[in-house]
Structure formats: structure tokens, C-alpha cells
C-alpha atoms as a PDB file:
ATOM      1  CA  UNK A   1      40.414  -5.777  32.816  1.00  0.00           C
ATOM      2  CA  UNK A   2      40.676  -6.023  29.049  1.00  0.00           C
ATOM      3  CA  UNK A   3      43.384  -3.911  27.485  1.00  0.00           C
ATOM      4  CA  UNK A   4      41.612  -1.768  24.919  1.00  0.00           C
ATOM      5  CA  UNK A   5      43.381  -0.031  22.054  1.00  0.00           C
ATOM      6  CA  UNK A   6      44.260   3.539  23.025  1.00  0.00           C
ATOM      7  CA  UNK A   7      46.077   4.803  19.950  1.00  0.00           C
ATOM      8  CA  UNK A   8      44.876   6.813  17.009  1.00  0.00           C
ATOM      9  CA  UNK A   9      46.377   8.530  14.006  1.00  0.00           C
ATOM     10  CA  UNK A  10      45.792  12.156  13.171  1.00  0.00           C
ATOM     11  CA  UNK A  11      47.086  14.840  10.845  1.00  0.00           C
ATOM     12  CA  UNK A  12      46.974  17.533  13.562  1.00  0.00           C
ATOM     13  CA  UNK A  13      50.546  16.821  14.666  1.00  0.00           C
ATOM     14  CA  UNK A  14      52.684  19.845  15.404  1.00  0.00           C
ATOM     15  CA  UNK A  15      56.233  18.955  14.404  1.00  0.00           C
ATOM     16  CA  UNK A  16      59.184  21.167  13.494  1.00  0.00           C
ATOM     17  CA  UNK A  17      59.249  22.040   9.790  1.00  0.00           C
ATOM     18  CA  UNK A  18      62.778  20.675   9.341  1.00  0.00           C
ATOM     19  CA  UNK A  19      61.640  17.149  10.247  1.00  0.00           C
ATOM     20  CA  UNK A  20      60.292  14.786   7.634  1.00  0.00           C
ATOM     21  CA  UNK A  21      56.593  14.002   8.046  1.00  0.00           C
ATOM     22  CA  UNK A  22      56.057  11.200  10.530  1.00  0.00           C
ATOM     23  CA  UNK A  23      53.226   8.808  11.008  1.00  0.00           C
ATOM     24  CA  UNK A  24      52.545   9.290  14.698  1.00  0.00           C
ATOM     25  CA  UNK A  25      50.614   6.803  16.767  1.00  0.00           C
ATOM     26  CA  UNK A  26      49.056   8.761  19.618  1.00  0.00           C
ATOM     27  CA  UNK A  27      48.843   6.753  22.830  1.00  0.00           C
ATOM     28  CA  UNK A  28      46.445   7.853  25.537  1.00  0.00           C
ATOM     29  CA  UNK A  29      46.985   5.724  28.644  1.00  0.00           C
ATOM     30  CA  UNK A  30      43.939   3.951  29.990  1.00  0.00           C
ATOM     31  CA  UNK A  31      42.665   5.798  33.032  1.00  0.00           C
ATOM     32  CA  UNK A  32      44.177   9.153  32.040  1.00  0.00           C
ATOM     33  CA  UNK A  33      42.255  11.840  33.891  1.00  0.00           C
ATOM     34  CA  UNK A  34      41.114  14.887  31.898  1.00  0.00           C
ATOM     35  CA  UNK A  35      40.266  17.508  34.507  1.00  0.00           C
ATOM     36  CA  UNK A  36      38.242  20.586  33.678  1.00  0.00           C
ATOM     37  CA  UNK A  37      40.370  23.738  33.497  1.00  0.00           C
ATOM     38  CA  UNK A  38      38.650  26.907  34.685  1.00  0.00           C
ATOM     39  CA  UNK A  39      41.651  29.169  34.190  1.00  0.00           C
ATOM     40  CA  UNK A  40      44.925  29.291  32.302  1.00  0.00           C
ATOM     41  CA  UNK A  41      48.150  31.163  32.999  1.00  0.00           C
ATOM     42  CA  UNK A  42      51.047  31.521  30.562  1.00  0.00           C
ATOM     43  CA  UNK A  43      54.596  32.389  31.549  1.00  0.00           C
ATOM     44  CA  UNK A  44      57.486  32.814  29.166  1.00  0.00           C
ATOM     45  CA  UNK A  45      61.226  33.177  29.043  1.00  0.00           C
ATOM     46  CA  UNK A  46      63.451  33.652  26.041  1.00  0.00           C
ATOM     47  CA  UNK A  47      63.398  29.935  25.224  1.00  0.00           C
ATOM     48  CA  UNK A  48      60.153  28.474  26.559  1.00  0.00           C
ATOM     49  CA  UNK A  49      56.499  29.157  27.168  1.00  0.00           C
ATOM     50  CA  UNK A  50      54.915  27.444  30.154  1.00  0.00           C
ATOM     51  CA  UNK A  51      51.142  27.073  30.144  1.00  0.00           C
ATOM     52  CA  UNK A  52      49.465  26.174  33.418  1.00  0.00           C
ATOM     53  CA  UNK A  53      45.845  25.070  33.665  1.00  0.00           C
ATOM     54  CA  UNK A  54      43.881  25.527  36.883  1.00  0.00           C
ATOM     55  CA  UNK A  55      40.617  24.143  38.201  1.00  0.00           C
ATOM     56  CA  UNK A  56      38.574  26.025  40.759  1.00  0.00           C
ATOM     57  CA  UNK A  57      36.068  24.517  43.099  1.00  0.00           C
ATOM     58  CA  UNK A  58      34.213  27.446  44.638  1.00  0.00           C
ATOM     59  CA  UNK A  59      33.480  26.889  48.303  1.00  0.00           C
ATOM     60  CA  UNK A  60      29.914  26.059  49.259  1.00  0.00           C
ATOM     61  CA  UNK A  61      27.914  28.861  50.814  1.00  0.00           C
ATOM     62  CA  UNK A  62      25.093  27.141  52.635  1.00  0.00           C
ATOM     63  CA  UNK A  63      24.671  29.380  55.681  1.00  0.00           C
ATOM     64  CA  UNK A  64      23.081  32.598  54.430  1.00  0.00           C
ATOM     65  CA  UNK A  65      23.676  34.233  57.821  1.00  0.00           C
ATOM     66  CA  UNK A  66      27.425  34.061  57.094  1.00  0.00           C
ATOM     67  CA  UNK A  67      29.062  36.366  54.519  1.00  0.00           C
ATOM     68  CA  UNK A  68      29.769  34.700  51.165  1.00  0.00           C
ATOM     69  CA  UNK A  69      33.327  33.526  50.463  1.00  0.00           C
ATOM     70  CA  UNK A  70      35.672  36.137  49.038  1.00  0.00           C
ATOM     71  CA  UNK A  71      38.201  33.763  47.497  1.00  0.00           C
ATOM     72  CA  UNK A  72      38.415  30.331  45.915  1.00  0.00           C
ATOM     73  CA  UNK A  73      41.347  27.993  45.594  1.00  0.00           C
ATOM     74  CA  UNK A  74      42.637  27.221  42.086  1.00  0.00           C
ATOM     75  CA  UNK A  75      44.521  23.926  41.807  1.00  0.00           C
ATOM     76  CA  UNK A  76      46.983  23.413  38.963  1.00  0.00           C
ATOM     77  CA  UNK A  77      45.783  20.367  37.016  1.00  0.00           C
ATOM     78  CA  UNK A  78      48.305  20.504  34.157  1.00  0.00           C
ATOM     79  CA  UNK A  79      51.535  22.259  33.261  1.00  0.00           C
ATOM     80  CA  UNK A  80      52.886  22.208  29.705  1.00  0.00           C
ATOM     81  CA  UNK A  81      56.194  23.596  28.457  1.00  0.00           C
ATOM     82  CA  UNK A  82      56.626  24.391  24.751  1.00  0.00           C
ATOM     83  CA  UNK A  83      59.035  26.337  22.591  1.00  0.00           C
ATOM     84  CA  UNK A  84      57.838  29.706  21.232  1.00  0.00           C
ATOM     85  CA  UNK A  85      58.089  28.539  17.608  1.00  0.00           C
ATOM     86  CA  UNK A  86      55.211  26.092  18.222  1.00  0.00           C
ATOM     87  CA  UNK A  87      52.765  28.806  19.320  1.00  0.00           C
ATOM     88  CA  UNK A  88      51.533  29.911  15.848  1.00  0.00           C
ATOM     89  CA  UNK A  89      50.613  26.320  14.897  1.00  0.00           C
ATOM     90  CA  UNK A  90      48.939  25.705  18.266  1.00  0.00           C
ATOM     91  CA  UNK A  91      46.880  28.869  17.814  1.00  0.00           C
ATOM     92  CA  UNK A  92      45.968  27.786  14.277  1.00  0.00           C
ATOM     93  CA  UNK A  93      44.770  24.354  15.441  1.00  0.00           C
ATOM     94  CA  UNK A  94      42.830  25.795  18.389  1.00  0.00           C
ATOM     95  CA  UNK A  95      41.221  28.435  16.155  1.00  0.00           C
ATOM     96  CA  UNK A  96      40.174  25.757  13.660  1.00  0.00           C
ATOM     97  CA  UNK A  97      38.486  23.706  16.379  1.00  0.00           C
ATOM     98  CA  UNK A  98      36.892  26.775  17.939  1.00  0.00           C
ATOM     99  CA  UNK A  99      35.473  27.812  14.551  1.00  0.00           C
ATOM    100  CA  UNK A 100      34.018  24.298  14.064  1.00  0.00           C
ATOM    101  CA  UNK A 101      32.458  24.488  17.518  1.00  0.00           C
ATOM    102  CA  UNK A 102      30.878  27.870  16.786  1.00  0.00           C
ATOM    103  CA  UNK A 103      29.510  26.593  13.452  1.00  0.00           C
ATOM    104  CA  UNK A 104      27.842  23.659  15.213  1.00  0.00           C
ATOM    105  CA  UNK A 105      26.197  26.047  17.655  1.00  0.00           C
ATOM    106  CA  UNK A 106      24.641  27.990  14.776  1.00  0.00           C
ATOM    107  CA  UNK A 107      22.831  24.887  13.501  1.00  0.00           C
END
């Protein structure tokens, strides 16, 4: 299998303000799985915020003579730990991309 280039440069890096600007080469490993996240849960302590992403696969309900399922399993597909000081910048970046998405939908 040919090894294709999996790096890119971007200006959306979230780095502490006290660090000098860096040129970051983002590496995304070949074969990295990007699961769909149906739900998100955030937990925090004094020093960290943990964000967990879950994917649900609702059970099939094929037999109409049986009652429909009353629960679905949610599997954690990613867990990310960040420091609270990063949250405002993360929100800013997400809001920017959400706004772009909404603008495209209006067209």
C-alpha cells in the first residue's frame, strides 16, 4: 500500500498564549476511524474538562407483535481531556465552523 501524505498545516491551532506561534504539521494516521457521535457528555474537575463522545445504534424492531425497545446502548467512541483555559478558544472555533455551515445551508 502506498504511503500517502497525511499532514496539513492550519491556522486553527489552539495553543497557550504564552507560547510563541508554532508552525504545526498535523498528522492524521492512515486508517484513523472517525466514528459518528450521537451524544456528548462533559465532566469537569478543578483542573480538567473531560469530553466523552458516544455513538448509539438503536436496536432493530422488526417484530411488530413485540413491544418496541425502551433503551439503546451508547458506546463511547472518543474521550478527550483538556484544561479549562482552552474552552473559550474551542467554543470560538466551533462557533465559526457552525456559522459557516449555517450560511451554506441558506444558499
